[in-house]
Amino acid sequence: MTLKLTEAAAAAIRDLLEQADLGEEAGLRVTAEMDEKGEPGLHLSFEGEPVDADQVVRAHGVNVFLDPSAAEYLEDKVLDAELHGDHAHFAVSERDT
């Protein structure tokens, strides 16, 4: 299994990528770093292309690039978003099976 995107998350990513003007192959890159408690801290950025080790998730017309740690953590999760003006708030939740 891999990360699932809601349509709202894809719409938010699409809108933000259009503002960033990074090109058609651009996507949201997610990296994960574990804190001292072993909990992942997720970092989001917009990139023109994936890094070699990234897992690429394509859904609803957008790309999400997951570094190996993020891909492992997010494999059974859902990425959702809410738009608030020109800002998006992303949330990760467990996937319903």
PDB file of N, CA and C in Angstrom:
ATOM      1  N   MET A   1       0.837  -1.184   0.000  1.00  0.00           N
ATOM      2  CA  MET A   1       0.000   0.000   0.000  1.00  0.00           C
ATOM      3  C   MET A   1       0.883   1.249   0.000  1.00  0.00           C
ATOM      4  N   THR A   2       0.346   2.312  -0.497  1.00  0.00           N
ATOM      5  CA  THR A   2       1.079   3.568  -0.510  1.00  0.00           C
ATOM      6  C   THR A   2       0.162   4.686  -0.034  1.00  0.00           C
ATOM      7  N   LEU A   3       0.721   5.825   0.183  1.00  0.00           N
ATOM      8  CA  LEU A   3      -0.046   6.988   0.623  1.00  0.00           C
ATOM      9  C   LEU A   3      -1.221   7.238  -0.315  1.00  0.00           C
ATOM     10  N   LYS A   4      -2.375   7.513   0.264  1.00  0.00           N
ATOM     11  CA  LYS A   4      -3.563   7.862  -0.511  1.00  0.00           C
ATOM     12  C   LYS A   4      -3.803   9.359  -0.359  1.00  0.00           C
ATOM     13  N   LEU A   5      -4.160  10.021  -1.453  1.00  0.00           N
ATOM     14  CA  LEU A   5      -4.491  11.449  -1.422  1.00  0.00           C
ATOM     15  C   LEU A   5      -5.988  11.625  -1.570  1.00  0.00           C
ATOM     16  N   THR A   6      -6.550  12.526  -0.779  1.00  0.00           N
ATOM     17  CA  THR A   6      -7.943  12.892  -1.010  1.00  0.00           C
ATOM     18  C   THR A   6      -7.981  13.880  -2.169  1.00  0.00           C
ATOM     19  N   GLU A   7      -9.159  14.050  -2.739  1.00  0.00           N
ATOM     20  CA  GLU A   7      -9.303  15.038  -3.808  1.00  0.00           C
ATOM     21  C   GLU A   7      -9.013  16.439  -3.286  1.00  0.00           C
ATOM     22  N   ALA A   8      -9.357  16.707  -2.022  1.00  0.00           N
ATOM     23  CA  ALA A   8      -9.078  18.022  -1.431  1.00  0.00           C
ATOM     24  C   ALA A   8      -7.576  18.260  -1.325  1.00  0.00           C
ATOM     25  N   ALA A   9      -6.821  17.232  -0.930  1.00  0.00           N
ATOM     26  CA  ALA A   9      -5.364  17.369  -0.847  1.00  0.00           C
ATOM     27  C   ALA A   9      -4.778  17.625  -2.228  1.00  0.00           C
ATOM     28  N   ALA A  10      -5.246  16.884  -3.216  1.00  0.00           N
ATOM     29  CA  ALA A  10      -4.752  17.076  -4.579  1.00  0.00           C
ATOM     30  C   ALA A  10      -5.069  18.473  -5.084  1.00  0.00           C
ATOM     31  N   ALA A  11      -6.264  18.973  -4.798  1.00  0.00           N
ATOM     32  CA  ALA A  11      -6.636  20.323  -5.233  1.00  0.00           C
ATOM     33  C   ALA A  11      -5.746  21.365  -4.571  1.00  0.00           C
ATOM     34  N   ALA A  12      -5.456  21.186  -3.284  1.00  0.00           N
ATOM     35  CA  ALA A  12      -4.582  22.126  -2.576  1.00  0.00           C
ATOM     36  C   ALA A  12      -3.174  22.086  -3.159  1.00  0.00           C
ATOM     37  N   ILE A  13      -2.657  20.890  -3.397  1.00  0.00           N
ATOM     38  CA  ILE A  13      -1.323  20.751  -3.982  1.00  0.00           C
ATOM     39  C   ILE A  13      -1.290  21.397  -5.362  1.00  0.00           C
ATOM     40  N   ARG A  14      -2.297  21.133  -6.169  1.00  0.00           N
ATOM     41  CA  ARG A  14      -2.369  21.705  -7.523  1.00  0.00           C
ATOM     42  C   ARG A  14      -2.356  23.233  -7.465  1.00  0.00           C
ATOM     43  N   ASP A  15      -3.185  23.812  -6.597  1.00  0.00           N
ATOM     44  CA  ASP A  15      -3.250  25.270  -6.479  1.00  0.00           C
ATOM     45  C   ASP A  15      -1.912  25.856  -6.045  1.00  0.00           C
ATOM     46  N   LEU A  16      -1.278  25.233  -5.059  1.00  0.00           N
ATOM     47  CA  LEU A  16       0.002  25.743  -4.564  1.00  0.00           C
ATOM     48  C   LEU A  16       1.111  25.563  -5.597  1.00  0.00           C
ATOM     49  N   LEU A  17       1.086  24.462  -6.336  1.00  0.00           N
ATOM     50  CA  LEU A  17       2.084  24.261  -7.393  1.00  0.00           C
ATOM     51  C   LEU A  17       1.929  25.285  -8.509  1.00  0.00           C
ATOM     52  N   GLU A  18       0.692  25.622  -8.849  1.00  0.00           N
ATOM     53  CA  GLU A  18       0.472  26.646  -9.876  1.00  0.00           C
ATOM     54  C   GLU A  18       1.054  27.979  -9.431  1.00  0.00           C
ATOM     55  N   GLN A  19       0.914  28.310  -8.163  1.00  0.00           N
ATOM     56  CA  GLN A  19       1.480  29.550  -7.636  1.00  0.00           C
ATOM     57  C   GLN A  19       3.004  29.512  -7.658  1.00  0.00           C
ATOM     58  N   ALA A  20       3.582  28.336  -7.386  1.00  0.00           N
ATOM     59  CA  ALA A  20       5.040  28.200  -7.343  1.00  0.00           C
ATOM     60  C   ALA A  20       5.658  28.196  -8.733  1.00  0.00           C
ATOM     61  N   ASP A  21       4.874  27.852  -9.770  1.00  0.00           N
ATOM     62  CA  ASP A  21       5.325  27.857 -11.161  1.00  0.00           C
ATOM     63  C   ASP A  21       6.617  27.055 -11.352  1.00  0.00           C
ATOM     64  N   LEU A  22       6.597  25.794 -10.923  1.00  0.00           N
ATOM     65  CA  LEU A  22       7.772  24.931 -11.007  1.00  0.00           C
ATOM     66  C   LEU A  22       7.752  23.982 -12.200  1.00  0.00           C
ATOM     67  N   GLY A  23       6.701  24.006 -12.993  1.00  0.00           N
ATOM     68  CA  GLY A  23       6.631  23.129 -14.157  1.00  0.00           C
ATOM     69  C   GLY A  23       5.683  21.967 -13.948  1.00  0.00           C
ATOM     70  N   GLU A  24       5.421  21.262 -15.040  1.00  0.00           N
ATOM     71  CA  GLU A  24       4.420  20.197 -15.036  1.00  0.00           C
ATOM     72  C   GLU A  24       4.824  18.960 -14.247  1.00  0.00           C
ATOM     73  N   GLU A  25       6.112  18.690 -14.121  1.00  0.00           N
ATOM     74  CA  GLU A  25       6.573  17.497 -13.404  1.00  0.00           C
ATOM     75  C   GLU A  25       6.775  17.755 -11.917  1.00  0.00           C
ATOM     76  N   ALA A  26       6.523  18.969 -11.464  1.00  0.00           N
ATOM     77  CA  ALA A  26       6.742  19.339 -10.065  1.00  0.00           C
ATOM     78  C   ALA A  26       5.768  18.603  -9.156  1.00  0.00           C
ATOM     79  N   GLY A  27       6.098  18.593  -7.876  1.00  0.00           N
ATOM     80  CA  GLY A  27       5.221  17.944  -6.915  1.00  0.00           C
ATOM     81  C   GLY A  27       5.521  18.378  -5.499  1.00  0.00           C
ATOM     82  N   LEU A  28       4.714  17.872  -4.604  1.00  0.00           N
ATOM     83  CA  LEU A  28       4.912  18.085  -3.173  1.00  0.00           C
ATOM     84  C   LEU A  28       5.900  17.040  -2.694  1.00  0.00           C
ATOM     85  N   ARG A  29       6.994  17.469  -2.062  1.00  0.00           N
ATOM     86  CA  ARG A  29       7.976  16.518  -1.526  1.00  0.00           C
ATOM     87  C   ARG A  29       7.785  16.422  -0.026  1.00  0.00           C
ATOM     88  N   VAL A  30       7.715  15.198   0.455  1.00  0.00           N
ATOM     89  CA  VAL A  30       7.544  14.938   1.881  1.00  0.00           C
ATOM     90  C   VAL A  30       8.775  14.188   2.367  1.00  0.00           C
ATOM     91  N   THR A  31       9.411  14.742   3.395  1.00  0.00           N
ATOM     92  CA  THR A  31      10.537  14.075   4.039  1.00  0.00           C
ATOM     93  C   THR A  31      10.170  13.839   5.495  1.00  0.00           C
ATOM     94  N   ALA A  32      10.783  12.837   6.094  1.00  0.00           N
ATOM     95  CA  ALA A  32      10.503  12.510   7.495  1.00  0.00           C
ATOM     96  C   ALA A  32      11.811  12.411   8.258  1.00  0.00           C
ATOM     97  N   GLU A  33      11.809  12.998   9.436  1.00  0.00           N
ATOM     98  CA  GLU A  33      12.930  12.873  10.363  1.00  0.00           C
ATOM     99  C   GLU A  33      12.359  12.460  11.701  1.00  0.00           C
ATOM    100  N   MET A  34      12.945  11.437  12.304  1.00  0.00           N
ATOM    101  CA  MET A  34      12.461  10.956  13.589  1.00  0.00           C
ATOM    102  C   MET A  34      12.981  11.845  14.720  1.00  0.00           C
ATOM    103  N   ASP A  35      12.100  12.143  15.669  1.00  0.00           N
ATOM    104  CA  ASP A  35      12.523  12.918  16.830  1.00  0.00           C
ATOM    105  C   ASP A  35      13.071  11.972  17.894  1.00  0.00           C
ATOM    106  N   GLU A  36      13.419  12.527  19.058  1.00  0.00           N
ATOM    107  CA  GLU A  36      14.027  11.719  20.117  1.00  0.00           C
ATOM    108  C   GLU A  36      13.078  10.653  20.666  1.00  0.00           C
ATOM    109  N   LYS A  37      11.781  10.800  20.453  1.00  0.00           N
ATOM    110  CA  LYS A  37      10.797   9.813  20.912  1.00  0.00           C
ATOM    111  C   LYS A  37      10.481   8.779  19.832  1.00  0.00           C
ATOM    112  N   GLY A  38      11.116   8.905  18.682  1.00  0.00           N
ATOM    113  CA  GLY A  38      10.857   7.983  17.586  1.00  0.00           C
ATOM    114  C   GLY A  38       9.635   8.335  16.762  1.00  0.00           C
ATOM    115  N   GLU A  39       9.095   9.523  16.979  1.00  0.00           N
ATOM    116  CA  GLU A  39       7.943   9.993  16.208  1.00  0.00           C
ATOM    117  C   GLU A  39       8.441  10.765  14.988  1.00  0.00           C
ATOM    118  N   PRO A  40       7.807  10.563  13.847  1.00  0.00           N
ATOM    119  CA  PRO A  40       8.272  11.269  12.652  1.00  0.00           C
ATOM    120  C   PRO A  40       7.820  12.723  12.624  1.00  0.00           C
ATOM    121  N   GLY A  41       8.720  13.572  12.222  1.00  0.00           N
ATOM    122  CA  GLY A  41       8.380  14.953  11.907  1.00  0.00           C
ATOM    123  C   GLY A  41       8.368  15.057  10.392  1.00  0.00           C
ATOM    124  N   LEU A  42       7.238  15.423   9.830  1.00  0.00           N
ATOM    125  CA  LEU A  42       7.119  15.501   8.377  1.00  0.00           C
ATOM    126  C   LEU A  42       7.392  16.918   7.909  1.00  0.00           C
ATOM    127  N   HIS A  43       8.164  17.035   6.849  1.00  0.00           N
ATOM    128  CA  HIS A  43       8.501  18.330   6.262  1.00  0.00           C
ATOM    129  C   HIS A  43       7.999  18.336   4.822  1.00  0.00           C
ATOM    130  N   LEU A  44       7.300  19.404   4.450  1.00  0.00           N
ATOM    131  CA  LEU A  44       6.722  19.528   3.115  1.00  0.00           C
ATOM    132  C   LEU A  44       7.402  20.646   2.351  1.00  0.00           C
ATOM    133  N   SER A  45       7.681  20.399   1.084  1.00  0.00           N
ATOM    134  CA  SER A  45       8.235  21.437   0.213  1.00  0.00           C
ATOM    135  C   SER A  45       7.767  21.146  -1.209  1.00  0.00           C
ATOM    136  N   PHE A  46       7.847  22.140  -2.051  1.00  0.00           N
ATOM    137  CA  PHE A  46       7.500  21.954  -3.456  1.00  0.00           C
ATOM    138  C   PHE A  46       8.786  21.905  -4.256  1.00  0.00           C
ATOM    139  N   GLU A  47       8.909  20.864  -5.082  1.00  0.00           N
ATOM    140  CA  GLU A  47      10.125  20.629  -5.852  1.00  0.00           C
ATOM    141  C   GLU A  47       9.773  20.409  -7.315  1.00  0.00           C
ATOM    142  N   GLY A  48      10.718  20.747  -8.185  1.00  0.00           N
ATOM    143  CA  GLY A  48      10.513  20.588  -9.616  1.00  0.00           C
ATOM    144  C   GLY A  48      10.533  19.148 -10.087  1.00  0.00           C
ATOM    145  N   GLU A  49      11.203  18.275  -9.310  1.00  0.00           N
ATOM    146  CA  GLU A  49      11.298  16.863  -9.679  1.00  0.00           C
ATOM    147  C   GLU A  49      11.684  16.067  -8.439  1.00  0.00           C
ATOM    148  N   PRO A  50      11.476  14.747  -8.473  1.00  0.00           N
ATOM    149  CA  PRO A  50      11.844  13.935  -7.313  1.00  0.00           C
ATOM    150  C   PRO A  50      13.350  13.722  -7.229  1.00  0.00           C
ATOM    151  N   VAL A  51      13.812  13.385  -6.040  1.00  0.00           N
ATOM    152  CA  VAL A  51      15.183  12.948  -5.822  1.00  0.00           C
ATOM    153  C   VAL A  51      15.228  11.462  -6.184  1.00  0.00           C
ATOM    154  N   ASP A  52      16.395  10.953  -6.564  1.00  0.00           N
ATOM    155  CA  ASP A  52      16.509   9.570  -7.048  1.00  0.00           C
ATOM    156  C   ASP A  52      15.849   8.534  -6.145  1.00  0.00           C
ATOM    157  N   ALA A  53      15.987   8.653  -4.834  1.00  0.00           N
ATOM    158  CA  ALA A  53      15.454   7.640  -3.916  1.00  0.00           C
ATOM    159  C   ALA A  53      13.974   7.827  -3.596  1.00  0.00           C
ATOM    160  N   ASP A  54      13.367   8.902  -4.077  1.00  0.00           N
ATOM    161  CA  ASP A  54      11.972   9.186  -3.743  1.00  0.00           C
ATOM    162  C   ASP A  54      11.009   8.185  -4.374  1.00  0.00           C
ATOM    163  N   GLN A  55       9.962   7.874  -3.633  1.00  0.00           N
ATOM    164  CA  GLN A  55       8.818   7.143  -4.186  1.00  0.00           C
ATOM    165  C   GLN A  55       7.865   8.194  -4.725  1.00  0.00           C
ATOM    166  N   VAL A  56       7.394   8.025  -5.941  1.00  0.00           N
ATOM    167  CA  VAL A  56       6.494   9.000  -6.554  1.00  0.00           C
ATOM    168  C   VAL A  56       5.068   8.463  -6.511  1.00  0.00           C
ATOM    169  N   VAL A  57       4.185   9.250  -5.900  1.00  0.00           N
ATOM    170  CA  VAL A  57       2.762   8.924  -5.850  1.00  0.00           C
ATOM    171  C   VAL A  57       2.059   9.896  -6.789  1.00  0.00           C
ATOM    172  N   ARG A  58       1.342   9.348  -7.761  1.00  0.00           N
ATOM    173  CA  ARG A  58       0.575  10.183  -8.691  1.00  0.00           C
ATOM    174  C   ARG A  58      -0.901   9.905  -8.456  1.00  0.00           C
ATOM    175  N   ALA A  59      -1.633  10.949  -8.114  1.00  0.00           N
ATOM    176  CA  ALA A  59      -3.062  10.779  -7.846  1.00  0.00           C
ATOM    177  C   ALA A  59      -3.789  12.079  -8.131  1.00  0.00           C
ATOM    178  N   HIS A  60      -4.953  11.969  -8.725  1.00  0.00           N
ATOM    179  CA  HIS A  60      -5.807  13.131  -9.002  1.00  0.00           C
ATOM    180  C   HIS A  60      -5.053  14.226  -9.763  1.00  0.00           C
ATOM    181  N   GLY A  61      -4.095  13.830 -10.609  1.00  0.00           N
ATOM    182  CA  GLY A  61      -3.386  14.784 -11.446  1.00  0.00           C
ATOM    183  C   GLY A  61      -2.233  15.522 -10.796  1.00  0.00           C
ATOM    184  N   VAL A  62      -1.784  15.072  -9.615  1.00  0.00           N
ATOM    185  CA  VAL A  62      -0.638  15.717  -8.964  1.00  0.00           C
ATOM    186  C   VAL A  62       0.397  14.667  -8.573  1.00  0.00           C
ATOM    187  N   ASN A  63       1.620  15.133  -8.360  1.00  0.00           N
ATOM    188  CA  ASN A  63       2.719  14.279  -7.919  1.00  0.00           C
ATOM    189  C   ASN A  63       3.047  14.571  -6.467  1.00  0.00           C
ATOM    190  N   VAL A  64       3.317  13.506  -5.717  1.00  0.00           N
ATOM    191  CA  VAL A  64       3.846  13.631  -4.363  1.00  0.00           C
ATOM    192  C   VAL A  64       5.110  12.792  -4.330  1.00  0.00           C
ATOM    193  N   PHE A  65       6.204  13.402  -3.896  1.00  0.00           N
ATOM    194  CA  PHE A  65       7.498  12.730  -3.818  1.00  0.00           C
ATOM    195  C   PHE A  65       7.771  12.405  -2.350  1.00  0.00           C
ATOM    196  N   LEU A  66       7.955  11.125  -2.035  1.00  0.00           N
ATOM    197  CA  LEU A  66       8.180  10.681  -0.662  1.00  0.00           C
ATOM    198  C   LEU A  66       9.600  10.173  -0.510  1.00  0.00           C
ATOM    199  N   ASP A  67      10.360  10.763   0.429  1.00  0.00           N
ATOM    200  CA  ASP A  67      11.676  10.198   0.693  1.00  0.00           C
ATOM    201  C   ASP A  67      11.460   8.829   1.349  1.00  0.00           C
ATOM    202  N   PRO A  68      12.479   7.967   1.400  1.00  0.00           N
ATOM    203  CA  PRO A  68      12.270   6.605   1.905  1.00  0.00           C
ATOM    204  C   PRO A  68      11.648   6.540   3.302  1.00  0.00           C
ATOM    205  N   SER A  69      12.063   7.403   4.220  1.00  0.00           N
ATOM    206  CA  SER A  69      11.495   7.387   5.574  1.00  0.00           C
ATOM    207  C   SER A  69      10.034   7.795   5.564  1.00  0.00           C
ATOM    208  N   ALA A  70       9.703   8.817   4.787  1.00  0.00           N
ATOM    209  CA  ALA A  70       8.311   9.265   4.688  1.00  0.00           C
ATOM    210  C   ALA A  70       7.459   8.190   4.024  1.00  0.00           C
ATOM    211  N   ALA A  71       7.985   7.545   2.986  1.00  0.00           N
ATOM    212  CA  ALA A  71       7.229   6.494   2.292  1.00  0.00           C
ATOM    213  C   ALA A  71       6.889   5.358   3.247  1.00  0.00           C
ATOM    214  N   GLU A  72       7.842   4.983   4.086  1.00  0.00           N
ATOM    215  CA  GLU A  72       7.599   3.905   5.046  1.00  0.00           C
ATOM    216  C   GLU A  72       6.541   4.316   6.066  1.00  0.00           C
ATOM    217  N   TYR A  73       6.663   5.508   6.616  1.00  0.00           N
ATOM    218  CA  TYR A  73       5.709   5.972   7.622  1.00  0.00           C
ATOM    219  C   TYR A  73       4.304   6.160   7.037  1.00  0.00           C
ATOM    220  N   LEU A  74       4.219   6.659   5.816  1.00  0.00           N
ATOM    221  CA  LEU A  74       2.932   7.036   5.221  1.00  0.00           C
ATOM    222  C   LEU A  74       2.268   5.934   4.401  1.00  0.00           C
ATOM    223  N   GLU A  75       2.850   4.738   4.366  1.00  0.00           N
ATOM    224  CA  GLU A  75       2.340   3.702   3.470  1.00  0.00           C
ATOM    225  C   GLU A  75       0.891   3.306   3.737  1.00  0.00           C
ATOM    226  N   ASP A  76       0.397   3.479   4.943  1.00  0.00           N
ATOM    227  CA  ASP A  76      -0.989   3.111   5.254  1.00  0.00           C
ATOM    228  C   ASP A  76      -1.803   4.323   5.704  1.00  0.00           C
ATOM    229  N   LYS A  77      -1.423   5.509   5.193  1.00  0.00           N
ATOM    230  CA  LYS A  77      -2.046   6.758   5.629  1.00  0.00           C
ATOM    231  C   LYS A  77      -2.766   7.451   4.474  1.00  0.00           C
ATOM    232  N   VAL A  78      -3.543   8.471   4.859  1.00  0.00           N
ATOM    233  CA  VAL A  78      -4.263   9.321   3.915  1.00  0.00           C
ATOM    234  C   VAL A  78      -3.820  10.756   4.149  1.00  0.00           C
ATOM    235  N   LEU A  79      -3.526  11.474   3.077  1.00  0.00           N
ATOM    236  CA  LEU A  79      -3.198  12.894   3.157  1.00  0.00           C
ATOM    237  C   LEU A  79      -4.422  13.682   2.728  1.00  0.00           C
ATOM    238  N   ASP A  80      -4.878  14.563   3.613  1.00  0.00           N
ATOM    239  CA  ASP A  80      -6.037  15.409   3.342  1.00  0.00           C
ATOM    240  C   ASP A  80      -5.599  16.855   3.501  1.00  0.00           C
ATOM    241  N   ALA A  81      -6.423  17.784   3.061  1.00  0.00           N
ATOM    242  CA  ALA A  81      -6.096  19.206   3.184  1.00  0.00           C
ATOM    243  C   ALA A  81      -7.361  20.033   3.246  1.00  0.00           C
ATOM    244  N   GLU A  82      -7.219  21.183   3.875  1.00  0.00           N
ATOM    245  CA  GLU A  82      -8.261  22.208   3.880  1.00  0.00           C
ATOM    246  C   GLU A  82      -7.618  23.490   3.398  1.00  0.00           C
ATOM    247  N   LEU A  83      -8.288  24.178   2.493  1.00  0.00           N
ATOM    248  CA  LEU A  83      -7.799  25.467   2.011  1.00  0.00           C
ATOM    249  C   LEU A  83      -8.381  26.579   2.866  1.00  0.00           C
ATOM    250  N   HIS A  84      -7.520  27.486   3.274  1.00  0.00           N
ATOM    251  CA  HIS A  84      -7.916  28.666   4.033  1.00  0.00           C
ATOM    252  C   HIS A  84      -7.309  29.869   3.325  1.00  0.00           C
ATOM    253  N   GLY A  85      -8.068  30.463   2.410  1.00  0.00           N
ATOM    254  CA  GLY A  85      -7.522  31.552   1.607  1.00  0.00           C
ATOM    255  C   GLY A  85      -6.433  31.011   0.708  1.00  0.00           C
ATOM    256  N   ASP A  86      -5.239  31.591   0.806  1.00  0.00           N
ATOM    257  CA  ASP A  86      -4.121  31.107  -0.008  1.00  0.00           C
ATOM    258  C   ASP A  86      -3.213  30.164   0.777  1.00  0.00           C
ATOM    259  N   HIS A  87      -3.694  29.659   1.907  1.00  0.00           N
ATOM    260  CA  HIS A  87      -2.938  28.709   2.725  1.00  0.00           C
ATOM    261  C   HIS A  87      -3.664  27.367   2.754  1.00  0.00           C
ATOM    262  N   ALA A  88      -2.898  26.313   2.847  1.00  0.00           N
ATOM    263  CA  ALA A  88      -3.470  24.972   2.973  1.00  0.00           C
ATOM    264  C   ALA A  88      -2.980  24.354   4.273  1.00  0.00           C
ATOM    265  N   HIS A  89      -3.864  23.665   4.938  1.00  0.00           N
ATOM    266  CA  HIS A  89      -3.520  22.913   6.138  1.00  0.00           C
ATOM    267  C   HIS A  89      -3.654  21.437   5.791  1.00  0.00           C
ATOM    268  N   PHE A  90      -2.519  20.737   5.832  1.00  0.00           N
ATOM    269  CA  PHE A  90      -2.501  19.321   5.497  1.00  0.00           C
ATOM    270  C   PHE A  90      -2.609  18.490   6.769  1.00  0.00           C
ATOM    271  N   ALA A  91      -3.282  17.360   6.663  1.00  0.00           N
ATOM    272  CA  ALA A  91      -3.433  16.443   7.791  1.00  0.00           C
ATOM    273  C   ALA A  91      -3.238  15.015   7.304  1.00  0.00           C
ATOM    274  N   VAL A  92      -2.602  14.221   8.148  1.00  0.00           N
ATOM    275  CA  VAL A  92      -2.368  12.809   7.858  1.00  0.00           C
ATOM    276  C   VAL A  92      -3.211  11.993   8.826  1.00  0.00           C
ATOM    277  N   SER A  93      -3.912  10.999   8.296  1.00  0.00           N
ATOM    278  CA  SER A  93      -4.715  10.124   9.149  1.00  0.00           C
ATOM    279  C   SER A  93      -4.541   8.676   8.708  1.00  0.00           C
ATOM    280  N   GLU A  94      -5.012   7.769   9.555  1.00  0.00           N
ATOM    281  CA  GLU A  94      -4.969   6.346   9.221  1.00  0.00           C
ATOM    282  C   GLU A  94      -5.940   6.069   8.083  1.00  0.00           C
ATOM    283  N   ARG A  95      -5.585   5.163   7.233  1.00  0.00           N
ATOM    284  CA  ARG A  95      -6.439   4.772   6.111  1.00  0.00           C
ATOM    285  C   ARG A  95      -7.478   3.770   6.597  1.00  0.00           C
ATOM    286  N   ASP A  96      -8.728   3.980   6.198  1.00  0.00           N
ATOM    287  CA  ASP A  96      -9.774   2.988   6.456  1.00  0.00           C
ATOM    288  C   ASP A  96      -9.564   1.846   5.483  1.00  0.00           C
ATOM    289  N   THR A  97      -9.552   0.641   5.989  1.00  0.00           N
ATOM    290  CA  THR A  97      -9.321  -0.496   5.089  1.00  0.00           C
ATOM    291  C   THR A  97     -10.597  -1.175   4.710  1.00  0.00           C
TER     292      THR A  97
END
